[in-house]
Amino acid sequence: MDASAFDSPGVGDARDDLEQAMLHLPPGARRDLGRLITRIDEEFERRTLPEPNYNEWAATRWWWTRMRER
C-alpha cells in the first residue's frame, strides 16, 4: 500500500483541537483566542481551495473541506 494513503495529523486535526479548547476557556480568553483563530482561518481559506469531494460529515467543520498540499 502507498504511504500517501494514510492520513497524518494536520491542519484539520489542529483546528478541531482549537475548537474544543474554545469550549473550556473563560469568556475573555475565548474572545482573545477566537480573534486569533479568525485571522488564521481567513489566511488558511485564502491559501487553499475547496475540496471537490469532501465528506458530508465535514460540512460543519469547513477547514476539512479545503484541499491541502499532499
Protein backbone atom coordinates (compact mmCIF):
# COMPACT_ATOMS: atom_id res chain seq x y z
CA MET A 1 0.00 0.00 0.00
CA ASP A 2 1.21 3.51 -0.82
CA ALA A 3 2.23 5.56 2.23
CA SER A 4 0.27 8.53 0.89
CA ALA A 5 -2.94 6.58 1.51
CA PHE A 6 -2.58 7.19 5.25
CA ASP A 7 -3.75 10.46 6.76
CA SER A 8 -1.44 12.07 9.25
CA PRO A 9 -2.46 14.66 11.81
CA GLY A 10 -2.59 18.03 10.18
CA VAL A 11 -4.45 21.30 9.90
CA GLY A 12 -7.89 19.77 10.33
CA ASP A 13 -6.90 17.93 13.48
CA ALA A 14 -5.23 21.01 14.96
CA ARG A 15 -8.23 23.18 14.10
CA ASP A 16 -10.54 20.65 15.75
CA ASP A 17 -8.37 20.86 18.89
CA LEU A 18 -8.66 24.66 18.92
CA GLU A 19 -12.43 24.41 18.55
CA GLN A 20 -12.54 22.01 21.50
CA ALA A 21 -10.29 24.25 23.62
CA MET A 22 -12.61 27.20 22.98
CA LEU A 23 -15.40 25.32 24.77
CA HIS A 24 -13.40 25.20 28.01
CA LEU A 25 -11.98 28.72 28.20
CA PRO A 26 -13.34 31.58 30.29
CA PRO A 27 -15.10 34.29 28.25
CA GLY A 28 -12.16 36.72 27.97
CA ALA A 29 -9.69 34.07 26.87
CA ARG A 30 -12.30 32.63 24.49
CA ARG A 31 -12.71 36.03 22.82
CA ASP A 32 -8.95 36.53 22.53
CA LEU A 33 -8.37 33.07 21.07
CA GLY A 34 -11.41 33.49 18.84
CA ARG A 35 -9.95 36.66 17.30
CA LEU A 36 -6.66 34.87 16.62
CA ILE A 37 -8.44 31.84 15.15
CA THR A 38 -10.49 34.13 12.88
CA ARG A 39 -7.30 35.61 11.41
CA ILE A 40 -5.74 32.16 10.98
CA ASP A 41 -8.93 30.82 9.36
CA GLU A 42 -9.04 33.73 6.91
CA GLU A 43 -5.43 33.11 5.88
CA PHE A 44 -5.96 29.35 5.59
CA GLU A 45 -9.04 29.87 3.44
CA ARG A 46 -7.14 32.34 1.25
CA ARG A 47 -4.29 29.87 0.69
CA THR A 48 -6.38 26.78 -0.04
CA LEU A 49 -9.04 25.65 -2.49
CA PRO A 50 -12.36 23.90 -1.87
CA GLU A 51 -12.08 20.12 -1.88
CA PRO A 52 -14.44 18.89 -4.62
CA ASN A 53 -15.04 15.50 -2.97
CA TYR A 54 -15.28 16.39 0.72
CA ASN A 55 -17.17 14.13 3.09
CA GLU A 56 -20.55 15.38 4.20
CA TRP A 57 -19.57 14.95 7.87
CA ALA A 58 -17.09 17.80 7.39
CA ALA A 59 -19.78 20.31 6.35
CA THR A 60 -19.89 21.92 9.81
CA ARG A 61 -16.10 21.93 10.04
CA TRP A 62 -15.23 23.83 6.84
CA TRP A 63 -11.48 23.50 7.41
CA TRP A 64 -11.77 19.80 6.49
CA THR A 65 -13.31 20.76 3.14
CA ARG A 66 -10.19 22.52 1.86
CA MET A 67 -7.54 20.99 -0.41
CA ARG A 68 -4.09 20.85 1.13
CA GLU A 69 -0.74 20.03 -0.36
CA ARG A 70 -0.16 16.28 -0.29
